[in-house]
Amino acid sequence: MIRHINKGTCSSAVAFEVENGIVTNCRFIGGCDGNTKGVAKLVIGRPVDEIIHLLDGVDCRGRGTSCPDQLAQALKEYQQQH
């Protein structure tokens, strides 16, 4: 599992796994329990590029980021390293 420390969100981190460009596991640590569980389930089985396209820039309460956006940021970092 790759762990990304979130910035500006209620969730403190997001952990995920990627195989052949597809997210195979995702889990948020903290945050709005139902929402983060829902987002995590929805991204499993999707390509990294698609998730980034869908979630990048999603804002929560004027914070300039959100738990979904932090996942997109984490996946961008993952892409740069792999």
Protein backbone atom coordinates (compact mmCIF):
# COMPACT_ATOMS: atom_id res chain seq x y z
CA MET A 1 0.00 0.00 0.00
CA ILE A 2 1.13 3.50 -0.84
CA ARG A 3 0.27 6.06 1.83
CA HIS A 4 -0.24 9.75 1.08
CA ILE A 5 -0.49 12.29 3.91
CA ASN A 6 -3.43 14.57 3.11
CA LYS A 7 -3.28 18.35 3.42
CA GLY A 8 -6.30 20.55 4.20
CA THR A 9 -8.82 17.77 4.73
CA CYS A 10 -10.54 16.02 7.62
CA SER A 11 -8.97 12.73 6.55
CA SER A 12 -5.34 12.53 7.57
CA ALA A 13 -4.19 10.20 4.79
CA VAL A 14 -5.22 7.96 1.92
CA ALA A 15 -3.68 4.55 1.19
CA PHE A 16 -3.99 2.83 -2.16
CA GLU A 17 -2.58 0.12 -4.41
CA VAL A 18 -2.15 0.22 -8.17
CA GLU A 19 -1.59 -2.73 -10.50
CA ASN A 20 -1.04 -2.19 -14.23
CA GLY A 21 -2.41 1.35 -14.02
CA ILE A 22 -5.60 0.29 -12.22
CA VAL A 23 -6.41 1.16 -8.59
CA THR A 24 -6.98 -2.16 -6.81
CA ASN A 25 -7.34 -0.96 -3.22
CA CYS A 26 -8.12 2.37 -1.58
CA ARG A 27 -8.72 3.45 2.01
CA PHE A 28 -8.96 6.87 3.64
CA ILE A 29 -7.80 7.36 7.22
CA GLY A 30 -10.28 9.58 9.04
CA GLY A 31 -12.65 12.00 7.37
CA CYS A 32 -16.38 11.65 6.77
CA ASP A 33 -16.74 7.91 7.15
CA GLY A 34 -19.52 7.25 4.65
CA ASN A 35 -18.21 9.63 2.01
CA THR A 36 -14.63 8.40 2.12
CA LYS A 37 -15.76 4.75 2.06
CA GLY A 38 -17.96 5.57 -0.95
CA VAL A 39 -15.17 7.31 -2.85
CA ALA A 40 -12.79 4.45 -2.06
CA LYS A 41 -15.24 1.86 -3.44
CA LEU A 42 -15.95 3.89 -6.56
CA VAL A 43 -12.29 4.21 -7.58
CA ILE A 44 -11.41 0.52 -7.26
CA GLY A 45 -11.10 -1.03 -10.71
CA ARG A 46 -10.66 2.31 -12.48
CA PRO A 47 -7.56 3.53 -14.32
CA VAL A 48 -5.37 6.06 -12.50
CA ASP A 49 -5.76 8.63 -15.31
CA GLU A 50 -9.55 8.40 -15.16
CA ILE A 51 -9.61 8.91 -11.38
CA ILE A 52 -7.32 11.93 -11.64
CA HIS A 53 -9.54 13.41 -14.37
CA LEU A 54 -12.70 12.90 -12.28
CA LEU A 55 -11.44 13.99 -8.86
CA ASP A 56 -8.74 16.61 -9.44
CA GLY A 57 -9.90 19.98 -8.15
CA VAL A 58 -12.97 18.81 -6.21
CA ASP A 59 -13.41 21.37 -3.42
CA CYS A 60 -14.84 20.88 0.06
CA ARG A 61 -16.24 23.93 1.84
CA GLY A 62 -13.93 26.43 0.16
CA ARG A 63 -10.76 24.70 1.34
CA GLY A 64 -9.30 24.46 -2.15
CA THR A 65 -9.10 20.70 -1.78
CA SER A 66 -11.09 17.71 -0.54
CA CYS A 67 -10.58 14.04 0.26
CA PRO A 68 -11.26 13.08 -3.39
CA ASP A 69 -8.89 15.83 -4.59
CA GLN A 70 -6.19 14.57 -2.21
CA LEU A 71 -6.55 11.10 -3.75
CA ALA A 72 -6.07 12.68 -7.19
CA GLN A 73 -2.96 14.49 -5.91
CA ALA A 74 -1.64 11.24 -4.44
CA LEU A 75 -2.17 9.45 -7.75
CA LYS A 76 -0.38 12.25 -9.64
CA GLU A 77 2.61 11.81 -7.30
CA TYR A 78 2.43 8.06 -7.87
CA GLN A 79 2.52 8.58 -11.64
CA GLN A 80 5.59 10.82 -11.38
CA GLN A 81 7.45 8.15 -9.42
CA HIS A 82 6.45 5.18 -11.62
